[in-house]
Amino acid sequence: MDRLTPLRAFLAVADTGSFTAAARKLGVSRSAVTGHIQELERHLGTQLLNRTTRRVWLTREGQRYADRAGRLLGGLEALDAEMQSRSGRTEGHLHVEMAESVANARVIPRLPEFVRAYPDVSLRISLNEGVVDPTVSGADIGLRVGPLRDSTLRFKLLGRGNYIMAASPGYLQLYPPPRHPDELRQHRLIEFWDPDTGRPYDWQLVKGKQTASLPAQGHLIVDNTRAGLTCALAGLGIYEDLDFLLAQSLAEKRLIQVLPDWKRPGPPIAALYTARRPVPPHVKAFVDFLASVFGTGRS
């Protein structure tokens, strides 16, 4: 039997506690994962997993097998990475999960550079407007916009933008541009939904050492940056987003910056990837590509 494919399926289920999550992590169907586990259990002659309709957990033998098999597979992957590094080859399959807005604005337009440089690397790209988390999605690399909380992953800080505000020329013809954050109360605001609090984010503005706070109005709320930008271009109000996400619309004069002296630091933008050493060459190559996209150094 093919020993590695069922083993990877088993370890994915052991790691995620779910056949569905394991299938997502491996990029295969749930039925394929189930088949691989059954094949492995038949081969070993023992039950590795307990299953109910609500949860999956390791048997005692399954835990022993997962511990030792995980070390063996990790060693094999490290050996493969070492040999590829020595041979100068960069190949393999790469699953990259990215924040949708940043991917479309910064990474995907530059992707042909990576494809030309590494033709033997196959790519699977997943876009996520929520929190990018490779430990959940099973991605090899995650491009996250937001706090860095993963202790099991390495990361490379790629950059950090500033939040700025803008509105369409048509909107600003109807409503004179505000001269101070307090005047935003007389405007229509396009606000962003905070899934953690179940309400839109409040507006927090910074000018040097000055700060201004404005409670969310709730007149128009979006939970997707593309939707927010589209609303702003349609003249529905003042919108706040990262400067590089609004740069093209500002350059084309489809949006005009509002209160340009007031802005606030955006969240970190980072590449999250495996902590094992050596880092597989195709993973390192893509992290270095991301660093070049954002103007930072090599990993």
Protein backbone atom coordinates (compact mmCIF):
# COMPACT_ATOMS: atom_id res chain seq x y z
CA MET A 1 0.00 0.00 0.00
CA ASP A 2 0.97 3.67 -0.38
CA ARG A 3 2.03 4.33 3.21
CA LEU A 4 2.55 8.12 3.12
CA THR A 5 -0.86 9.26 1.84
CA PRO A 6 -2.91 7.41 4.52
CA LEU A 7 -0.36 8.47 7.14
CA ARG A 8 -0.71 12.14 6.19
CA ALA A 9 -4.50 11.79 6.29
CA PHE A 10 -4.38 10.21 9.74
CA LEU A 11 -2.04 12.87 11.14
CA ALA A 12 -4.26 15.61 9.67
CA VAL A 13 -7.29 14.15 11.47
CA ALA A 14 -5.28 13.75 14.68
CA ASP A 15 -4.12 17.36 14.42
CA THR A 16 -7.50 18.92 13.60
CA GLY A 17 -9.87 16.54 15.40
CA SER A 18 -12.12 16.53 12.34
CA PHE A 19 -12.40 14.62 9.07
CA THR A 20 -13.80 17.72 7.39
CA ALA A 21 -11.00 19.98 8.63
CA ALA A 22 -8.41 17.37 7.67
CA ALA A 23 -9.87 17.18 4.15
CA ARG A 24 -9.72 20.97 3.88
CA LYS A 25 -6.13 20.94 5.12
CA LEU A 26 -5.07 18.33 2.58
CA GLY A 27 -7.16 19.72 -0.29
CA VAL A 28 -9.07 16.45 -0.82
CA SER A 29 -12.62 15.23 -0.22
CA ARG A 30 -13.86 14.08 3.18
CA SER A 31 -14.61 10.65 1.74
CA ALA A 32 -11.00 10.36 0.57
CA VAL A 33 -9.75 11.02 4.10
CA THR A 34 -12.19 8.45 5.50
CA GLY A 35 -10.99 5.88 2.97
CA HIS A 36 -7.33 6.52 3.83
CA ILE A 37 -7.99 6.08 7.56
CA GLN A 38 -9.88 2.84 6.99
CA GLU A 39 -7.04 1.58 4.77
CA LEU A 40 -4.46 2.41 7.42
CA GLU A 41 -6.44 0.77 10.22
CA ARG A 42 -6.87 -2.40 8.14
CA HIS A 43 -3.15 -2.46 7.41
CA LEU A 44 -2.22 -2.05 11.10
CA GLY A 45 -4.98 -4.30 12.38
CA THR A 46 -6.01 -1.83 15.07
CA GLN A 47 -8.41 1.07 15.58
CA LEU A 48 -6.68 4.44 15.61
CA LEU A 49 -9.66 6.78 16.02
CA ASN A 50 -12.87 6.85 18.03
CA ARG A 51 -15.73 8.41 16.08
CA THR A 52 -19.13 9.79 16.95
CA THR A 53 -21.38 12.06 14.94
CA ARG A 54 -20.02 15.05 16.87
CA ARG A 55 -16.35 14.39 17.52
CA VAL A 56 -13.29 12.37 16.63
CA TRP A 57 -10.51 11.48 19.07
CA LEU A 58 -7.50 9.20 19.20
CA THR A 59 -7.56 5.76 20.78
CA ARG A 60 -4.66 4.86 23.04
CA GLU A 61 -2.99 3.03 20.14
CA GLY A 62 -3.84 5.94 17.86
CA GLN A 63 -2.06 8.37 20.18
CA ARG A 64 1.08 6.19 20.24
CA TYR A 65 1.01 5.86 16.48
CA ALA A 66 0.43 9.59 15.95
CA ASP A 67 3.35 10.54 18.21
CA ARG A 68 5.86 8.25 16.54
CA ALA A 69 4.54 8.63 12.99
CA GLY A 70 4.53 12.41 13.33
CA ARG A 71 8.21 12.40 14.25
CA LEU A 72 9.02 10.06 11.36
CA LEU A 73 7.09 12.12 8.80
CA GLY A 74 8.58 15.34 10.13
CA GLY A 75 12.05 13.86 9.79
CA LEU A 76 11.35 12.75 6.23
CA GLU A 77 10.06 16.21 5.26
CA ALA A 78 13.12 17.83 6.85
CA LEU A 79 15.39 15.44 4.94
CA ASP A 80 13.58 16.23 1.67
CA ALA A 81 13.99 19.96 2.34
CA GLU A 82 17.68 19.55 3.11
CA MET A 83 18.32 17.53 -0.05
CA GLN A 84 16.40 20.01 -2.21
CA SER A 85 18.35 22.90 -0.69
CA ARG A 86 21.66 21.18 -1.45
CA SER A 87 20.64 20.36 -5.01
CA GLY A 88 19.36 23.88 -5.64
CA ARG A 89 15.94 22.53 -6.69
CA THR A 90 12.79 24.39 -5.76
CA GLU A 91 9.69 22.38 -6.48
CA GLY A 92 6.55 21.07 -4.84
CA HIS A 93 2.96 22.00 -4.11
CA LEU A 94 2.32 25.19 -2.16
CA HIS A 95 -0.97 26.14 -0.50
CA VAL A 96 -1.09 29.86 0.29
CA GLU A 97 -3.92 31.49 2.24
CA MET A 98 -4.13 35.27 1.99
CA ALA A 99 -6.27 38.14 3.18
CA GLU A 100 -8.42 38.86 0.12
CA SER A 101 -7.97 42.63 0.01
CA VAL A 102 -4.18 42.56 0.29
CA ALA A 103 -3.86 39.63 -2.10
CA ASN A 104 -5.79 41.41 -4.86
CA ALA A 105 -4.15 44.79 -4.30
CA ARG A 106 -0.53 43.78 -3.79
CA VAL A 107 0.33 40.11 -4.27
CA ILE A 108 -1.60 38.67 -7.21
CA PRO A 109 -0.59 41.47 -9.65
CA ARG A 110 3.04 40.49 -8.94
CA LEU A 111 2.45 36.72 -8.97
CA PRO A 112 3.75 36.22 -12.54
CA GLU A 113 7.23 37.04 -11.21
CA PHE A 114 7.11 34.05 -8.85
CA VAL A 115 5.62 31.72 -11.46
CA ARG A 116 8.37 32.61 -13.96
CA ALA A 117 11.12 32.20 -11.35
CA TYR A 118 9.80 28.88 -9.97
CA PRO A 119 7.97 27.01 -12.74
CA ASP A 120 8.18 23.69 -10.82
CA VAL A 121 6.17 25.02 -7.86
CA SER A 122 2.41 24.45 -8.17
CA LEU A 123 0.20 26.92 -6.31
CA ARG A 124 -3.15 26.71 -4.59
CA ILE A 125 -4.36 30.13 -3.46
CA SER A 126 -7.14 30.58 -0.91
CA LEU A 127 -8.53 34.05 -0.19
CA ASN A 128 -10.05 34.83 3.18
CA GLU A 129 -11.54 38.13 4.35
CA GLY A 130 -11.51 36.89 7.96
CA VAL A 131 -8.55 35.91 10.13
CA VAL A 132 -5.98 34.00 8.10
CA ASP A 133 -4.87 31.00 10.18
CA PRO A 134 -2.75 28.29 8.51
CA THR A 135 -3.17 26.05 11.56
CA VAL A 136 -6.90 25.85 10.70
CA SER A 137 -6.82 25.97 6.90
CA GLY A 138 -3.81 23.68 6.55
CA ALA A 139 -2.04 26.20 4.31
CA ASP A 140 1.76 26.16 4.03
CA ILE A 141 1.88 29.96 4.20
CA GLY A 142 -0.62 32.47 5.52
CA LEU A 143 -0.55 36.17 4.62
CA ARG A 144 -2.27 37.78 7.57
CA VAL A 145 -3.38 41.34 8.19
CA GLY A 146 -3.83 41.54 11.94
CA PRO A 147 -2.36 40.48 15.30
CA LEU A 148 0.27 37.75 15.44
CA ARG A 149 -0.81 35.18 18.00
CA ASP A 150 0.42 31.83 16.65
CA SER A 151 3.16 30.40 18.87
CA THR A 152 3.59 27.28 16.69
CA LEU A 153 4.39 29.21 13.52
CA ARG A 154 7.28 31.31 12.35
CA PHE A 155 6.46 34.70 10.90
CA LYS A 156 8.06 37.40 8.84
CA LEU A 157 6.78 40.94 9.30
CA LEU A 158 6.17 42.36 5.83
CA GLY A 159 4.79 45.81 6.53
CA ARG A 160 2.16 47.97 8.11
CA GLY A 161 0.02 50.59 6.40
CA ASN A 162 -1.95 53.54 7.71
CA TYR A 163 -5.72 53.82 7.80
CA ILE A 164 -6.92 56.84 5.82
CA MET A 165 -10.36 58.17 4.89
CA ALA A 166 -11.74 58.94 1.45
CA ALA A 167 -14.97 59.68 -0.39
CA SER A 168 -16.06 60.06 -4.00
CA PRO A 169 -16.08 63.48 -5.72
CA GLY A 170 -19.85 63.15 -6.16
CA TYR A 171 -20.41 62.63 -2.44
CA LEU A 172 -18.18 65.58 -1.55
CA GLN A 173 -20.16 67.83 -3.91
CA LEU A 174 -23.26 67.09 -1.86
CA TYR A 175 -21.55 67.20 1.53
CA PRO A 176 -18.64 69.61 2.07
CA PRO A 177 -15.47 67.81 3.24
CA PRO A 178 -15.05 67.76 7.03
CA ARG A 179 -12.33 69.96 8.47
CA HIS A 180 -12.16 68.20 11.84
CA PRO A 181 -13.11 64.68 13.02
CA ASP A 182 -16.02 66.16 15.00
CA GLU A 183 -17.64 67.15 11.70
CA LEU A 184 -17.81 63.48 10.67
CA ARG A 185 -20.98 63.32 12.76
CA GLN A 186 -22.75 65.29 10.02
CA HIS A 187 -21.65 62.82 7.33
CA ARG A 188 -22.68 59.41 6.11
CA LEU A 189 -20.02 56.90 7.09
CA ILE A 190 -19.30 53.48 5.59
CA GLU A 191 -18.40 51.37 8.60
CA PHE A 192 -16.84 47.94 9.03
CA TRP A 193 -18.39 45.12 11.02
CA ASP A 194 -16.45 43.71 13.98
CA PRO A 195 -17.32 39.99 14.30
CA ASP A 196 -15.77 39.83 17.78
CA THR A 197 -18.10 42.44 19.28
CA GLY A 198 -21.12 41.99 17.01
CA ARG A 199 -21.18 45.69 16.11
CA PRO A 200 -19.34 48.05 13.75
CA TYR A 201 -15.93 49.38 14.71
CA ASP A 202 -15.79 52.86 16.25
CA TRP A 203 -13.68 55.46 14.48
CA GLN A 204 -10.31 56.12 16.13
CA LEU A 205 -8.25 58.89 14.50
CA VAL A 206 -4.73 60.14 15.21
CA LYS A 207 -2.93 63.36 14.25
CA GLY A 208 0.49 63.50 15.83
CA LYS A 209 -0.19 63.34 19.56
CA GLN A 210 -3.85 64.25 19.12
CA THR A 211 -6.53 61.59 19.12
CA ALA A 212 -10.22 61.70 18.27
CA SER A 213 -12.86 59.05 18.81
CA LEU A 214 -16.24 58.76 17.10
CA PRO A 215 -18.81 56.08 17.92
CA ALA A 216 -20.08 54.05 15.00
CA GLN A 217 -23.34 55.34 13.50
CA GLY A 218 -24.55 52.09 11.98
CA HIS A 219 -26.18 53.67 8.91
CA LEU A 220 -24.16 51.61 6.41
CA ILE A 221 -22.06 48.64 7.52
CA VAL A 222 -19.98 46.22 5.44
CA ASP A 223 -17.97 43.14 6.36
CA ASN A 224 -15.82 43.02 3.25
CA THR A 225 -13.22 45.56 2.10
CA ARG A 226 -14.17 45.20 -1.56
CA ALA A 227 -17.78 46.00 -0.67
CA GLY A 228 -16.63 49.00 1.36
CA LEU A 229 -14.59 50.36 -1.53
CA THR A 230 -17.45 49.78 -3.96
CA CYS A 231 -19.82 51.69 -1.66
CA ALA A 232 -17.36 54.57 -1.44
CA LEU A 233 -16.95 54.72 -5.23
CA ALA A 234 -20.74 54.74 -5.54
CA GLY A 235 -20.88 57.92 -3.45
CA LEU A 236 -22.50 56.35 -0.38
CA GLY A 237 -20.27 58.01 2.18
CA ILE A 238 -16.83 58.37 3.73
CA TYR A 239 -14.83 55.15 3.94
CA GLU A 240 -11.71 54.27 5.92
CA ASP A 241 -9.21 51.62 4.83
CA LEU A 242 -5.48 50.96 4.53
CA ASP A 243 -3.69 53.52 2.37
CA PHE A 244 -2.36 51.04 -0.19
CA LEU A 245 -5.85 49.58 -0.70
CA LEU A 246 -7.18 53.01 -1.63
CA ALA A 247 -4.09 54.17 -3.54
CA GLN A 248 -5.29 53.29 -7.05
CA SER A 249 -8.71 54.91 -6.61
CA LEU A 250 -7.04 58.02 -5.20
CA ALA A 251 -4.54 58.16 -8.07
CA GLU A 252 -7.38 57.84 -10.59
CA LYS A 253 -9.29 60.57 -8.69
CA ARG A 254 -12.27 58.31 -8.25
CA LEU A 255 -11.82 58.98 -4.52
CA ILE A 256 -10.56 62.04 -2.69
CA GLN A 257 -8.79 61.75 0.65
CA VAL A 258 -10.68 63.27 3.58
CA LEU A 259 -8.96 64.74 6.66
CA PRO A 260 -5.52 63.87 5.24
CA ASP A 261 -3.73 64.92 8.44
CA TRP A 262 -5.73 62.38 10.47
CA LYS A 263 -4.76 58.75 10.15
CA ARG A 264 -3.87 55.85 12.39
CA PRO A 265 -1.40 52.97 12.17
CA GLY A 266 -2.79 49.85 10.58
CA PRO A 267 -2.26 46.28 11.77
CA PRO A 268 0.89 44.28 10.99
CA ILE A 269 1.05 42.39 7.71
CA ALA A 270 2.98 39.16 8.08
CA ALA A 271 3.73 35.84 6.42
CA LEU A 272 3.08 32.88 8.73
CA TYR A 273 4.74 29.57 7.89
CA THR A 274 6.13 26.35 9.28
CA ALA A 275 8.47 26.42 12.26
CA ARG A 276 10.37 23.31 11.19
CA ARG A 277 13.95 23.57 10.03
CA PRO A 278 15.18 23.60 7.43
CA VAL A 279 12.32 25.52 5.89
CA PRO A 280 11.30 23.75 2.65
CA PRO A 281 12.82 25.60 -0.33
CA HIS A 282 9.48 26.29 -2.04
CA VAL A 283 8.09 27.76 1.20
CA LYS A 284 11.16 29.96 1.67
CA ALA A 285 10.98 31.05 -1.96
CA PHE A 286 7.40 32.29 -1.59
CA VAL A 287 8.11 34.04 1.73
CA ASP A 288 11.03 35.81 0.04
CA PHE A 289 8.72 36.72 -2.85
CA LEU A 290 6.23 38.26 -0.40
CA ALA A 291 9.07 40.19 1.20
CA SER A 292 9.99 41.63 -2.19
CA VAL A 293 6.36 42.58 -2.86
CA PHE A 294 6.21 44.56 0.38
CA GLY A 295 9.75 45.90 0.12
CA THR A 296 11.24 44.03 3.09
CA GLY A 297 14.34 41.85 3.28
CA ARG A 298 14.76 38.15 2.62
CA SER A 299 13.73 35.54 5.22
